[in-house]
Amino acid sequence: MTNPEVSVKQLDEGVRRVTLPLPTGPRHVHCYIVGGTLFDTGIGLEPPPWRDLGVERIAITHFHPDHVGGAEAAAAETGATVYQGALDYAQCERVWGSADWPERIADWFVTHGVPEPLVNDLIVQGHAFAPFIRFARDPELLYEGSDLDGWEVVELPGHADGHLGFLCDGALIAGDHLLARITPAVGLYPESRPDPLGDYLASLERTIELAPRVVYPGHGEPIDDAAGRAQEIIEHHRRRLDAVFSALSTDPHSGFDISHAVFGAELSPQQRRIAVVETLSHLERLVREGRAARAGDARSVTYTAP
């Protein structure tokens, strides 16, 4: 490898972990190669020589930039077919394949109370890498129960609506569904499923039922106690739901307002963006639990205690 920040490590049972640098966030992302299948491709800014790593097919866990951004280049270099979840690919096209996404999400943030002068600050970093994201057009589509070279496809919505896991012999390649040291972000976005936190909690319960003996995540080290870690994250969100509920009153407040009460006022624009969408996912779960009420229209949405 010519880039010293790129590493390939042999893990157990024929799993090779390819670690690539990221300019933001956790500063790294893991891709995995098992047999001839490459799971995820990194953001694509400084790809390794995929051809030398024996890649025969490419599977995408979800459409976030650090997982799908290098798919087109990896496929072109190796001649490999790209496989991606059907819902995930549809959202990939809407976000990374459409010129008007920044305007659509900006309008949506305004609807949820973000002052217009602050909106650009909230969306600029999220789209800073958009010009460099090269997802693979027209991949082979995957669904719950699909088989990919012996890996069972498991739909695990939450962190992304169309997030997939790949399960084989008790090993789960999990993307960002389950992480050891940080809690995956679960946010509500325009044109997303209406209750992403509810989806995520159900996916965590399913992980407990599947009880994989090892999870290979997109960031951090492998997880040997998947059921235990899933339960920890469920409890984290139960506490966060209580905190959001405590921030409600009979007066209407926007998701932006409530994010200040829950996450504090001193956040960077990128942190505020995540705080707002996470607050909204928790508010929508509270609405479905009967612990909050939503009011408004396409121009302004607010929440109150029921």
C-alpha atoms as a PDB file:
ATOM      1  CA  MET A   1       0.000   0.000   0.000  1.00  0.00           C
ATOM      2  CA  THR A   2       1.374   3.398  -0.963  1.00  0.00           C
ATOM      3  CA  ASN A   3      -0.743   5.332   1.540  1.00  0.00           C
ATOM      4  CA  PRO A   4       0.552   4.651   5.067  1.00  0.00           C
ATOM      5  CA  GLU A   5      -2.923   5.380   6.446  1.00  0.00           C
ATOM      6  CA  VAL A   6      -4.342   2.396   4.544  1.00  0.00           C
ATOM      7  CA  SER A   7      -3.884  -0.965   6.211  1.00  0.00           C
ATOM      8  CA  VAL A   8      -4.923  -4.551   5.541  1.00  0.00           C
ATOM      9  CA  LYS A   9      -5.229  -6.843   8.529  1.00  0.00           C
ATOM     10  CA  GLN A  10      -5.990 -10.532   8.514  1.00  0.00           C
ATOM     11  CA  LEU A  11      -8.719 -11.301  11.040  1.00  0.00           C
ATOM     12  CA  ASP A  12     -10.100 -14.693  11.975  1.00  0.00           C
ATOM     13  CA  GLU A  13     -11.571 -17.150   9.499  1.00  0.00           C
ATOM     14  CA  GLY A  14     -10.342 -15.635   6.275  1.00  0.00           C
ATOM     15  CA  VAL A  15     -11.662 -12.130   6.915  1.00  0.00           C
ATOM     16  CA  ARG A  16      -9.390  -9.349   5.725  1.00  0.00           C
ATOM     17  CA  ARG A  17     -10.083  -5.892   7.133  1.00  0.00           C
ATOM     18  CA  VAL A  18      -9.110  -2.944   4.939  1.00  0.00           C
ATOM     19  CA  THR A  19      -8.922   0.276   6.948  1.00  0.00           C
ATOM     20  CA  LEU A  20      -9.095   3.557   5.043  1.00  0.00           C
ATOM     21  CA  PRO A  21      -8.636   7.113   6.340  1.00  0.00           C
ATOM     22  CA  LEU A  22     -11.483   9.591   6.673  1.00  0.00           C
ATOM     23  CA  PRO A  23     -11.016  13.373   6.827  1.00  0.00           C
ATOM     24  CA  THR A  24     -13.747  13.768   9.479  1.00  0.00           C
ATOM     25  CA  GLY A  25     -15.691  11.842  12.090  1.00  0.00           C
ATOM     26  CA  PRO A  26     -14.053   8.677  13.402  1.00  0.00           C
ATOM     27  CA  ARG A  27     -11.097   9.269  11.024  1.00  0.00           C
ATOM     28  CA  HIS A  28     -11.262   5.745   9.651  1.00  0.00           C
ATOM     29  CA  VAL A  29     -13.643   3.312   8.009  1.00  0.00           C
ATOM     30  CA  HIS A  30     -13.326  -0.451   7.706  1.00  0.00           C
ATOM     31  CA  CYS A  31     -14.091  -2.449   4.584  1.00  0.00           C
ATOM     32  CA  TYR A  32     -13.926  -6.233   4.614  1.00  0.00           C
ATOM     33  CA  ILE A  33     -12.907  -8.839   2.053  1.00  0.00           C
ATOM     34  CA  VAL A  34     -14.057 -12.422   2.521  1.00  0.00           C
ATOM     35  CA  GLY A  35     -13.353 -14.802  -0.313  1.00  0.00           C
ATOM     36  CA  GLY A  36     -13.789 -12.553  -3.296  1.00  0.00           C
ATOM     37  CA  THR A  37     -16.444 -10.281  -1.807  1.00  0.00           C
ATOM     38  CA  LEU A  38     -15.591  -6.718  -0.808  1.00  0.00           C
ATOM     39  CA  PHE A  39     -18.014  -5.254   1.717  1.00  0.00           C
ATOM     40  CA  ASP A  40     -18.126  -1.440   1.347  1.00  0.00           C
ATOM     41  CA  THR A  41     -15.608   0.725  -0.474  1.00  0.00           C
ATOM     42  CA  GLY A  42     -14.745   3.742   1.664  1.00  0.00           C
ATOM     43  CA  ILE A  43     -15.311   7.307   0.578  1.00  0.00           C
ATOM     44  CA  GLY A  44     -13.177   6.876  -2.520  1.00  0.00           C
ATOM     45  CA  LEU A  45     -10.718   9.732  -2.024  1.00  0.00           C
ATOM     46  CA  GLU A  46      -7.619   7.556  -1.579  1.00  0.00           C
ATOM     47  CA  PRO A  47      -8.585   4.015  -2.547  1.00  0.00           C
ATOM     48  CA  PRO A  48      -6.205   1.082  -2.192  1.00  0.00           C
ATOM     49  CA  PRO A  49      -5.344  -1.047  -5.252  1.00  0.00           C
ATOM     50  CA  TRP A  50      -8.495  -3.151  -5.083  1.00  0.00           C
ATOM     51  CA  ARG A  51      -7.416  -5.289  -8.028  1.00  0.00           C
ATOM     52  CA  ASP A  52      -4.446  -6.576  -6.036  1.00  0.00           C
ATOM     53  CA  LEU A  53      -6.757  -7.662  -3.209  1.00  0.00           C
ATOM     54  CA  GLY A  54      -8.698 -10.214  -5.235  1.00  0.00           C
ATOM     55  CA  VAL A  55     -12.057  -8.441  -5.366  1.00  0.00           C
ATOM     56  CA  GLU A  56     -14.634 -10.333  -7.442  1.00  0.00           C
ATOM     57  CA  ARG A  57     -17.882  -8.734  -6.225  1.00  0.00           C
ATOM     58  CA  ILE A  58     -18.799  -5.683  -4.126  1.00  0.00           C
ATOM     59  CA  ALA A  59     -21.547  -5.432  -1.510  1.00  0.00           C
ATOM     60  CA  ILE A  60     -22.702  -2.146   0.030  1.00  0.00           C
ATOM     61  CA  THR A  61     -24.118  -2.004   3.566  1.00  0.00           C
ATOM     62  CA  HIS A  62     -25.579   1.505   3.191  1.00  0.00           C
ATOM     63  CA  PHE A  63     -25.340   4.650   1.122  1.00  0.00           C
ATOM     64  CA  HIS A  64     -23.450   6.967   3.483  1.00  0.00           C
ATOM     65  CA  PRO A  65     -20.386   8.523   1.806  1.00  0.00           C
ATOM     66  CA  ASP A  66     -17.726   6.570   3.691  1.00  0.00           C
ATOM     67  CA  HIS A  67     -19.305   3.285   2.635  1.00  0.00           C
ATOM     68  CA  VAL A  68     -20.482   3.861  -0.936  1.00  0.00           C
ATOM     69  CA  GLY A  69     -18.354   6.753  -2.201  1.00  0.00           C
ATOM     70  CA  GLY A  70     -15.691   4.580  -3.817  1.00  0.00           C
ATOM     71  CA  ALA A  71     -18.002   1.966  -5.341  1.00  0.00           C
ATOM     72  CA  GLU A  72     -17.817   3.123  -8.949  1.00  0.00           C
ATOM     73  CA  ALA A  73     -14.022   3.268  -8.946  1.00  0.00           C
ATOM     74  CA  ALA A  74     -13.646  -0.100  -7.210  1.00  0.00           C
ATOM     75  CA  ALA A  75     -16.005  -1.712  -9.705  1.00  0.00           C
ATOM     76  CA  ALA A  76     -14.228  -0.130 -12.670  1.00  0.00           C
ATOM     77  CA  GLU A  77     -10.807  -1.244 -11.430  1.00  0.00           C
ATOM     78  CA  THR A  78     -11.787  -4.815 -10.668  1.00  0.00           C
ATOM     79  CA  GLY A  79     -14.624  -5.511 -13.084  1.00  0.00           C
ATOM     80  CA  ALA A  80     -16.686  -6.589 -10.072  1.00  0.00           C
ATOM     81  CA  THR A  81     -20.467  -6.409  -9.957  1.00  0.00           C
ATOM     82  CA  VAL A  82     -21.859  -4.132  -7.240  1.00  0.00           C
ATOM     83  CA  TYR A  83     -24.722  -5.329  -5.040  1.00  0.00           C
ATOM     84  CA  GLN A  84     -26.807  -2.890  -2.999  1.00  0.00           C
ATOM     85  CA  GLY A  85     -30.130  -2.922  -1.173  1.00  0.00           C
ATOM     86  CA  ALA A  86     -33.074  -1.802  -3.292  1.00  0.00           C
ATOM     87  CA  LEU A  87     -34.303   0.869  -0.860  1.00  0.00           C
ATOM     88  CA  ASP A  88     -30.760   1.954  -0.106  1.00  0.00           C
ATOM     89  CA  TYR A  89     -29.972   2.448  -3.785  1.00  0.00           C
ATOM     90  CA  ALA A  90     -33.150   4.476  -4.308  1.00  0.00           C
ATOM     91  CA  GLN A  91     -32.098   6.813  -1.500  1.00  0.00           C
ATOM     92  CA  CYS A  92     -28.545   6.885  -2.828  1.00  0.00           C
ATOM     93  CA  GLU A  93     -29.872   8.198  -6.126  1.00  0.00           C
ATOM     94  CA  ARG A  94     -32.097  10.779  -4.419  1.00  0.00           C
ATOM     95  CA  VAL A  95     -29.300  12.146  -2.247  1.00  0.00           C
ATOM     96  CA  TRP A  96     -26.083  11.763  -4.265  1.00  0.00           C
ATOM     97  CA  GLY A  97     -27.598  11.569  -7.721  1.00  0.00           C
ATOM     98  CA  SER A  98     -29.846  14.635  -7.654  1.00  0.00           C
ATOM     99  CA  ALA A  99     -28.755  18.254  -7.917  1.00  0.00           C
ATOM    100  CA  ASP A 100     -31.543  19.631  -5.732  1.00  0.00           C
ATOM    101  CA  TRP A 101     -30.923  17.622  -2.547  1.00  0.00           C
ATOM    102  CA  PRO A 102     -29.198  20.522  -0.700  1.00  0.00           C
ATOM    103  CA  GLU A 103     -32.199  22.749  -1.380  1.00  0.00           C
ATOM    104  CA  ARG A 104     -34.667  20.057  -0.302  1.00  0.00           C
ATOM    105  CA  ILE A 105     -32.913  19.362   2.979  1.00  0.00           C
ATOM    106  CA  ALA A 106     -32.450  23.100   3.608  1.00  0.00           C
ATOM    107  CA  ASP A 107     -36.205  23.666   3.260  1.00  0.00           C
ATOM    108  CA  TRP A 108     -36.810  20.720   5.546  1.00  0.00           C
ATOM    109  CA  PHE A 109     -34.528  22.123   8.262  1.00  0.00           C
ATOM    110  CA  VAL A 110     -36.399  25.438   8.089  1.00  0.00           C
ATOM    111  CA  THR A 111     -39.664  23.525   8.526  1.00  0.00           C
ATOM    112  CA  HIS A 112     -38.246  22.098  11.756  1.00  0.00           C
ATOM    113  CA  GLY A 113     -37.280  25.467  13.193  1.00  0.00           C
ATOM    114  CA  VAL A 114     -33.710  26.049  12.063  1.00  0.00           C
ATOM    115  CA  PRO A 115     -33.300  29.797  11.403  1.00  0.00           C
ATOM    116  CA  GLU A 116     -32.639  30.410   7.734  1.00  0.00           C
ATOM    117  CA  PRO A 117     -29.255  32.136   8.330  1.00  0.00           C
ATOM    118  CA  LEU A 118     -28.020  28.955  10.070  1.00  0.00           C
ATOM    119  CA  VAL A 119     -29.283  26.430   7.545  1.00  0.00           C
ATOM    120  CA  ASN A 120     -26.334  26.706   5.180  1.00  0.00           C
ATOM    121  CA  ASP A 121     -23.920  26.099   8.044  1.00  0.00           C
ATOM    122  CA  LEU A 122     -25.826  22.920   8.931  1.00  0.00           C
ATOM    123  CA  ILE A 123     -25.793  21.442   5.436  1.00  0.00           C
ATOM    124  CA  VAL A 124     -22.461  22.576   4.020  1.00  0.00           C
ATOM    125  CA  GLN A 125     -20.256  19.937   5.683  1.00  0.00           C
ATOM    126  CA  GLY A 126     -22.715  17.186   4.972  1.00  0.00           C
ATOM    127  CA  HIS A 127     -22.351  17.927   1.266  1.00  0.00           C
ATOM    128  CA  ALA A 128     -18.701  18.904   1.170  1.00  0.00           C
ATOM    129  CA  PHE A 129     -17.784  15.520  -0.271  1.00  0.00           C
ATOM    130  CA  ALA A 130     -20.806  15.185  -2.549  1.00  0.00           C
ATOM    131  CA  PRO A 131     -18.818  16.045  -5.714  1.00  0.00           C
ATOM    132  CA  PHE A 132     -16.395  13.197  -4.950  1.00  0.00           C
ATOM    133  CA  ILE A 133     -18.982  10.494  -4.229  1.00  0.00           C
ATOM    134  CA  ARG A 134     -19.089   8.003  -7.077  1.00  0.00           C
ATOM    135  CA  PHE A 135     -21.660   5.342  -6.283  1.00  0.00           C
ATOM    136  CA  ALA A 136     -22.197   2.552  -8.793  1.00  0.00           C
ATOM    137  CA  ARG A 137     -25.178   3.113 -11.060  1.00  0.00           C
ATOM    138  CA  ASP A 138     -27.698   0.326 -11.588  1.00  0.00           C
ATOM    139  CA  PRO A 139     -26.287  -2.244  -9.147  1.00  0.00           C
ATOM    140  CA  GLU A 140     -27.718  -5.690  -8.634  1.00  0.00           C
ATOM    141  CA  LEU A 141     -30.426  -5.172  -6.025  1.00  0.00           C
ATOM    142  CA  LEU A 142     -30.591  -7.060  -2.740  1.00  0.00           C
ATOM    143  CA  TYR A 143     -33.513  -7.738  -0.435  1.00  0.00           C
ATOM    144  CA  GLU A 144     -34.169  -9.407   2.904  1.00  0.00           C
ATOM    145  CA  GLY A 145     -33.229 -13.062   2.536  1.00  0.00           C
ATOM    146  CA  SER A 146     -31.145 -12.636  -0.619  1.00  0.00           C
ATOM    147  CA  ASP A 147     -28.038 -14.793  -0.846  1.00  0.00           C
ATOM    148  CA  LEU A 148     -24.696 -13.355  -1.908  1.00  0.00           C
ATOM    149  CA  ASP A 149     -21.955 -15.953  -2.226  1.00  0.00           C
ATOM    150  CA  GLY A 150     -23.179 -17.724   0.898  1.00  0.00           C
ATOM    151  CA  TRP A 151     -23.947 -14.551   2.882  1.00  0.00           C
ATOM    152  CA  GLU A 152     -27.563 -14.086   3.942  1.00  0.00           C
ATOM    153  CA  VAL A 153     -28.822 -10.537   3.471  1.00  0.00           C
ATOM    154  CA  VAL A 154     -30.460  -9.127   6.610  1.00  0.00           C
ATOM    155  CA  GLU A 155     -32.303  -5.812   6.498  1.00  0.00           C
ATOM    156  CA  LEU A 156     -31.341  -3.718   9.549  1.00  0.00           C
ATOM    157  CA  PRO A 157     -32.982  -0.287   9.104  1.00  0.00           C
ATOM    158  CA  GLY A 158     -32.255   2.532  11.520  1.00  0.00           C
ATOM    159  CA  HIS A 159     -28.897   4.212  10.954  1.00  0.00           C
ATOM    160  CA  ALA A 160     -29.976   4.263   7.319  1.00  0.00           C
ATOM    161  CA  ASP A 161     -33.419   3.250   6.094  1.00  0.00           C
ATOM    162  CA  GLY A 162     -32.049   0.608   3.754  1.00  0.00           C
ATOM    163  CA  HIS A 163     -29.122  -0.556   5.871  1.00  0.00           C
ATOM    164  CA  LEU A 164     -28.107  -4.164   5.198  1.00  0.00           C
ATOM    165  CA  GLY A 165     -26.138  -6.685   7.212  1.00  0.00           C
ATOM    166  CA  PHE A 166     -24.522  -9.823   5.810  1.00  0.00           C
ATOM    167  CA  LEU A 167     -24.655 -12.985   7.923  1.00  0.00           C
ATOM    168  CA  CYS A 168     -22.695 -16.209   7.431  1.00  0.00           C
ATOM    169  CA  ASP A 169     -21.711 -18.897   9.947  1.00  0.00           C
ATOM    170  CA  GLY A 170     -22.413 -16.619  12.891  1.00  0.00           C
ATOM    171  CA  ALA A 171     -20.408 -13.681  11.529  1.00  0.00           C
ATOM    172  CA  LEU A 172     -22.279 -10.449  10.793  1.00  0.00           C
ATOM    173  CA  ILE A 173     -20.754  -7.766   8.593  1.00  0.00           C
ATOM    174  CA  ALA A 174     -22.732  -4.889   9.998  1.00  0.00           C
ATOM    175  CA  GLY A 175     -21.619  -1.563   8.510  1.00  0.00           C
ATOM    176  CA  ASP A 176     -22.714   1.067  11.023  1.00  0.00           C
ATOM    177  CA  HIS A 177     -25.617  -0.872  12.506  1.00  0.00           C
ATOM    178  CA  LEU A 178     -23.630  -1.880  15.602  1.00  0.00           C
ATOM    179  CA  LEU A 179     -20.484  -0.151  16.860  1.00  0.00           C
ATOM    180  CA  ALA A 180     -18.498  -0.984  19.968  1.00  0.00           C
ATOM    181  CA  ARG A 181     -17.574   2.402  21.418  1.00  0.00           C
ATOM    182  CA  ILE A 182     -19.942   4.914  19.868  1.00  0.00           C
ATOM    183  CA  THR A 183     -23.684   4.907  19.293  1.00  0.00           C
ATOM    184  CA  PRO A 184     -24.651   5.000  15.612  1.00  0.00           C
ATOM    185  CA  ALA A 185     -26.529   8.157  14.670  1.00  0.00           C
ATOM    186  CA  VAL A 186     -30.238   7.661  14.016  1.00  0.00           C
ATOM    187  CA  GLY A 187     -31.862  10.693  12.457  1.00  0.00           C
ATOM    188  CA  LEU A 188     -35.062  11.711  10.719  1.00  0.00           C
ATOM    189  CA  TYR A 189     -34.506  13.166   7.244  1.00  0.00           C
ATOM    190  CA  PRO A 190     -36.761  14.300   4.422  1.00  0.00           C
ATOM    191  CA  GLU A 191     -38.205  11.447   2.376  1.00  0.00           C
ATOM    192  CA  SER A 192     -37.044   8.882   4.934  1.00  0.00           C
ATOM    193  CA  ARG A 193     -39.081   6.230   6.693  1.00  0.00           C
ATOM    194  CA  PRO A 194     -41.344   7.918   9.244  1.00  0.00           C
ATOM    195  CA  ASP A 195     -39.994   6.280  12.409  1.00  0.00           C
ATOM    196  CA  PRO A 196     -36.264   5.572  12.039  1.00  0.00           C
ATOM    197  CA  LEU A 197     -35.679   5.154  15.766  1.00  0.00           C
ATOM    198  CA  GLY A 198     -38.494   2.627  15.991  1.00  0.00           C
ATOM    199  CA  ASP A 199     -36.908   0.835  13.047  1.00  0.00           C
ATOM    200  CA  TYR A 200     -33.523   0.886  14.747  1.00  0.00           C
ATOM    201  CA  LEU A 201     -34.795  -0.418  18.072  1.00  0.00           C
ATOM    202  CA  ALA A 202     -36.487  -3.281  16.210  1.00  0.00           C
ATOM    203  CA  SER A 203     -33.247  -3.982  14.314  1.00  0.00           C
ATOM    204  CA  LEU A 204     -31.347  -4.125  17.591  1.00  0.00           C
ATOM    205  CA  GLU A 205     -33.893  -6.573  18.994  1.00  0.00           C
ATOM    206  CA  ARG A 206     -33.450  -8.650  15.866  1.00  0.00           C
ATOM    207  CA  THR A 207     -29.683  -8.618  16.383  1.00  0.00           C
ATOM    208  CA  ILE A 208     -30.229  -9.973  19.872  1.00  0.00           C
ATOM    209  CA  GLU A 209     -32.366 -12.769  18.406  1.00  0.00           C
ATOM    210  CA  LEU A 210     -29.813 -13.554  15.689  1.00  0.00           C
ATOM    211  CA  ALA A 211     -27.059 -13.645  18.351  1.00  0.00           C
ATOM    212  CA  PRO A 212     -24.084 -13.512  15.966  1.00  0.00           C
ATOM    213  CA  ARG A 213     -20.890 -14.705  17.599  1.00  0.00           C
ATOM    214  CA  VAL A 214     -18.910 -11.824  16.046  1.00  0.00           C
ATOM    215  CA  VAL A 215     -19.808  -8.527  14.397  1.00  0.00           C
ATOM    216  CA  TYR A 216     -17.474  -6.789  11.981  1.00  0.00           C
ATOM    217  CA  PRO A 217     -18.366  -3.069  12.125  1.00  0.00           C
ATOM    218  CA  GLY A 218     -17.587  -0.150   9.848  1.00  0.00           C
ATOM    219  CA  HIS A 219     -15.655   1.608  12.625  1.00  0.00           C
ATOM    220  CA  GLY A 220     -13.811   0.268  15.639  1.00  0.00           C
ATOM    221  CA  GLU A 221     -12.974  -3.270  16.678  1.00  0.00           C
ATOM    222  CA  PRO A 222     -14.975  -6.477  16.175  1.00  0.00           C
ATOM    223  CA  ILE A 223     -17.766  -7.063  18.680  1.00  0.00           C
ATOM    224  CA  ASP A 224     -17.844 -10.434  20.412  1.00  0.00           C
ATOM    225  CA  ASP A 225     -20.959  -9.801  22.516  1.00  0.00           C
ATOM    226  CA  ALA A 226     -23.384  -8.482  19.905  1.00  0.00           C
ATOM    227  CA  ALA A 227     -26.483  -9.113  22.015  1.00  0.00           C
ATOM    228  CA  GLY A 228     -24.986  -7.302  24.992  1.00  0.00           C
ATOM    229  CA  ARG A 229     -23.920  -4.317  22.923  1.00  0.00           C
ATOM    230  CA  ALA A 230     -27.316  -4.141  21.220  1.00  0.00           C
ATOM    231  CA  GLN A 231     -29.007  -4.086  24.626  1.00  0.00           C
ATOM    232  CA  GLU A 232     -26.712  -1.281  25.785  1.00  0.00           C
ATOM    233  CA  ILE A 233     -27.718   0.832  22.790  1.00  0.00           C
ATOM    234  CA  ILE A 234     -31.412   0.101  23.366  1.00  0.00           C
ATOM    235  CA  GLU A 235     -31.041   1.386  26.933  1.00  0.00           C
ATOM    236  CA  HIS A 236     -29.155   4.455  25.677  1.00  0.00           C
ATOM    237  CA  HIS A 237     -32.085   5.364  23.450  1.00  0.00           C
ATOM    238  CA  ARG A 238     -34.602   4.720  26.209  1.00  0.00           C
ATOM    239  CA  ARG A 239     -32.743   7.273  28.332  1.00  0.00           C
ATOM    240  CA  ARG A 240     -32.561   9.693  25.396  1.00  0.00           C
ATOM    241  CA  LEU A 241     -36.304   9.312  24.815  1.00  0.00           C
ATOM    242  CA  ASP A 242     -36.913  10.236  28.449  1.00  0.00           C
ATOM    243  CA  ALA A 243     -34.652  13.284  28.093  1.00  0.00           C
ATOM    244  CA  VAL A 244     -36.513  14.469  24.993  1.00  0.00           C
ATOM    245  CA  PHE A 245     -39.842  13.847  26.711  1.00  0.00           C
ATOM    246  CA  SER A 246     -38.672  15.940  29.678  1.00  0.00           C
ATOM    247  CA  ALA A 247     -37.891  18.829  27.308  1.00  0.00           C
ATOM    248  CA  LEU A 248     -41.491  18.962  26.068  1.00  0.00           C
ATOM    249  CA  SER A 249     -44.188  21.230  27.480  1.00  0.00           C
ATOM    250  CA  THR A 250     -47.689  22.342  26.545  1.00  0.00           C
ATOM    251  CA  ASP A 251     -46.111  25.155  24.524  1.00  0.00           C
ATOM    252  CA  PRO A 252     -45.184  24.175  20.958  1.00  0.00           C
ATOM    253  CA  HIS A 253     -41.475  23.880  20.200  1.00  0.00           C
ATOM    254  CA  SER A 254     -39.591  22.942  17.064  1.00  0.00           C
ATOM    255  CA  GLY A 255     -37.125  20.093  16.801  1.00  0.00           C
ATOM    256  CA  PHE A 256     -34.381  22.709  16.593  1.00  0.00           C
ATOM    257  CA  ASP A 257     -35.518  24.246  19.908  1.00  0.00           C
ATOM    258  CA  ILE A 258     -35.726  20.894  21.646  1.00  0.00           C
ATOM    259  CA  SER A 259     -32.275  19.904  20.373  1.00  0.00           C
ATOM    260  CA  HIS A 260     -30.866  22.807  22.405  1.00  0.00           C
ATOM    261  CA  ALA A 261     -32.590  21.574  25.538  1.00  0.00           C
ATOM    262  CA  VAL A 262     -31.345  18.002  25.062  1.00  0.00           C
ATOM    263  CA  PHE A 263     -27.877  18.475  23.561  1.00  0.00           C
ATOM    264  CA  GLY A 264     -26.970  21.962  24.798  1.00  0.00           C
ATOM    265  CA  ALA A 265     -26.365  25.231  22.988  1.00  0.00           C
ATOM    266  CA  GLU A 266     -22.633  24.986  22.278  1.00  0.00           C
ATOM    267  CA  LEU A 267     -22.329  22.734  19.255  1.00  0.00           C
ATOM    268  CA  SER A 268     -20.513  23.050  15.948  1.00  0.00           C
ATOM    269  CA  PRO A 269     -22.722  23.228  12.831  1.00  0.00           C
ATOM    270  CA  GLN A 270     -22.069  19.561  12.052  1.00  0.00           C
ATOM    271  CA  GLN A 271     -22.869  18.564  15.623  1.00  0.00           C
ATOM    272  CA  ARG A 272     -26.035  20.683  15.546  1.00  0.00           C
ATOM    273  CA  ARG A 273     -27.115  19.016  12.331  1.00  0.00           C
ATOM    274  CA  ILE A 274     -26.820  15.602  13.968  1.00  0.00           C
ATOM    275  CA  ALA A 275     -28.481  16.880  17.150  1.00  0.00           C
ATOM    276  CA  VAL A 276     -31.500  18.160  15.212  1.00  0.00           C
ATOM    277  CA  VAL A 277     -32.071  14.989  13.191  1.00  0.00           C
ATOM    278  CA  GLU A 278     -31.515  12.775  16.254  1.00  0.00           C
ATOM    279  CA  THR A 279     -33.940  14.893  18.272  1.00  0.00           C
ATOM    280  CA  LEU A 280     -36.525  14.554  15.509  1.00  0.00           C
ATOM    281  CA  SER A 281     -36.172  10.769  15.364  1.00  0.00           C
ATOM    282  CA  HIS A 282     -36.771  10.603  19.104  1.00  0.00           C
ATOM    283  CA  LEU A 283     -39.718  13.014  18.902  1.00  0.00           C
ATOM    284  CA  GLU A 284     -41.363  10.903  16.231  1.00  0.00           C
ATOM    285  CA  ARG A 285     -40.912   7.789  18.360  1.00  0.00           C
ATOM    286  CA  LEU A 286     -42.511   9.625  21.289  1.00  0.00           C
ATOM    287  CA  VAL A 287     -45.444  10.588  19.052  1.00  0.00           C
ATOM    288  CA  ARG A 288     -45.990   6.918  18.237  1.00  0.00           C
ATOM    289  CA  GLU A 289     -45.734   6.006  21.919  1.00  0.00           C
ATOM    290  CA  GLY A 290     -48.363   8.612  22.798  1.00  0.00           C
ATOM    291  CA  ARG A 291     -45.861  10.681  24.795  1.00  0.00           C
ATOM    292  CA  ALA A 292     -45.734  13.635  22.388  1.00  0.00           C
ATOM    293  CA  ALA A 293     -47.982  15.380  19.893  1.00  0.00           C
ATOM    294  CA  ARG A 294     -46.991  16.827  16.535  1.00  0.00           C
ATOM    295  CA  ALA A 295     -48.670  19.819  14.890  1.00  0.00           C
ATOM    296  CA  GLY A 296     -48.100  22.010  11.864  1.00  0.00           C
ATOM    297  CA  ASP A 297     -47.766  21.625   8.131  1.00  0.00           C
ATOM    298  CA  ALA A 298     -45.145  21.572   5.381  1.00  0.00           C
ATOM    299  CA  ARG A 299     -43.953  25.040   6.414  1.00  0.00           C
ATOM    300  CA  SER A 300     -43.638  24.589  10.176  1.00  0.00           C
ATOM    301  CA  VAL A 301     -43.700  21.534  12.458  1.00  0.00           C
ATOM    302  CA  THR A 302     -43.808  21.709  16.251  1.00  0.00           C
ATOM    303  CA  TYR A 303     -44.121  19.259  19.138  1.00  0.00           C
ATOM    304  CA  THR A 304     -45.823  19.421  22.527  1.00  0.00           C
ATOM    305  CA  ALA A 305     -46.440  17.180  25.488  1.00  0.00           C
ATOM    306  CA  PRO A 306     -49.698  15.261  24.888  1.00  0.00           C
END
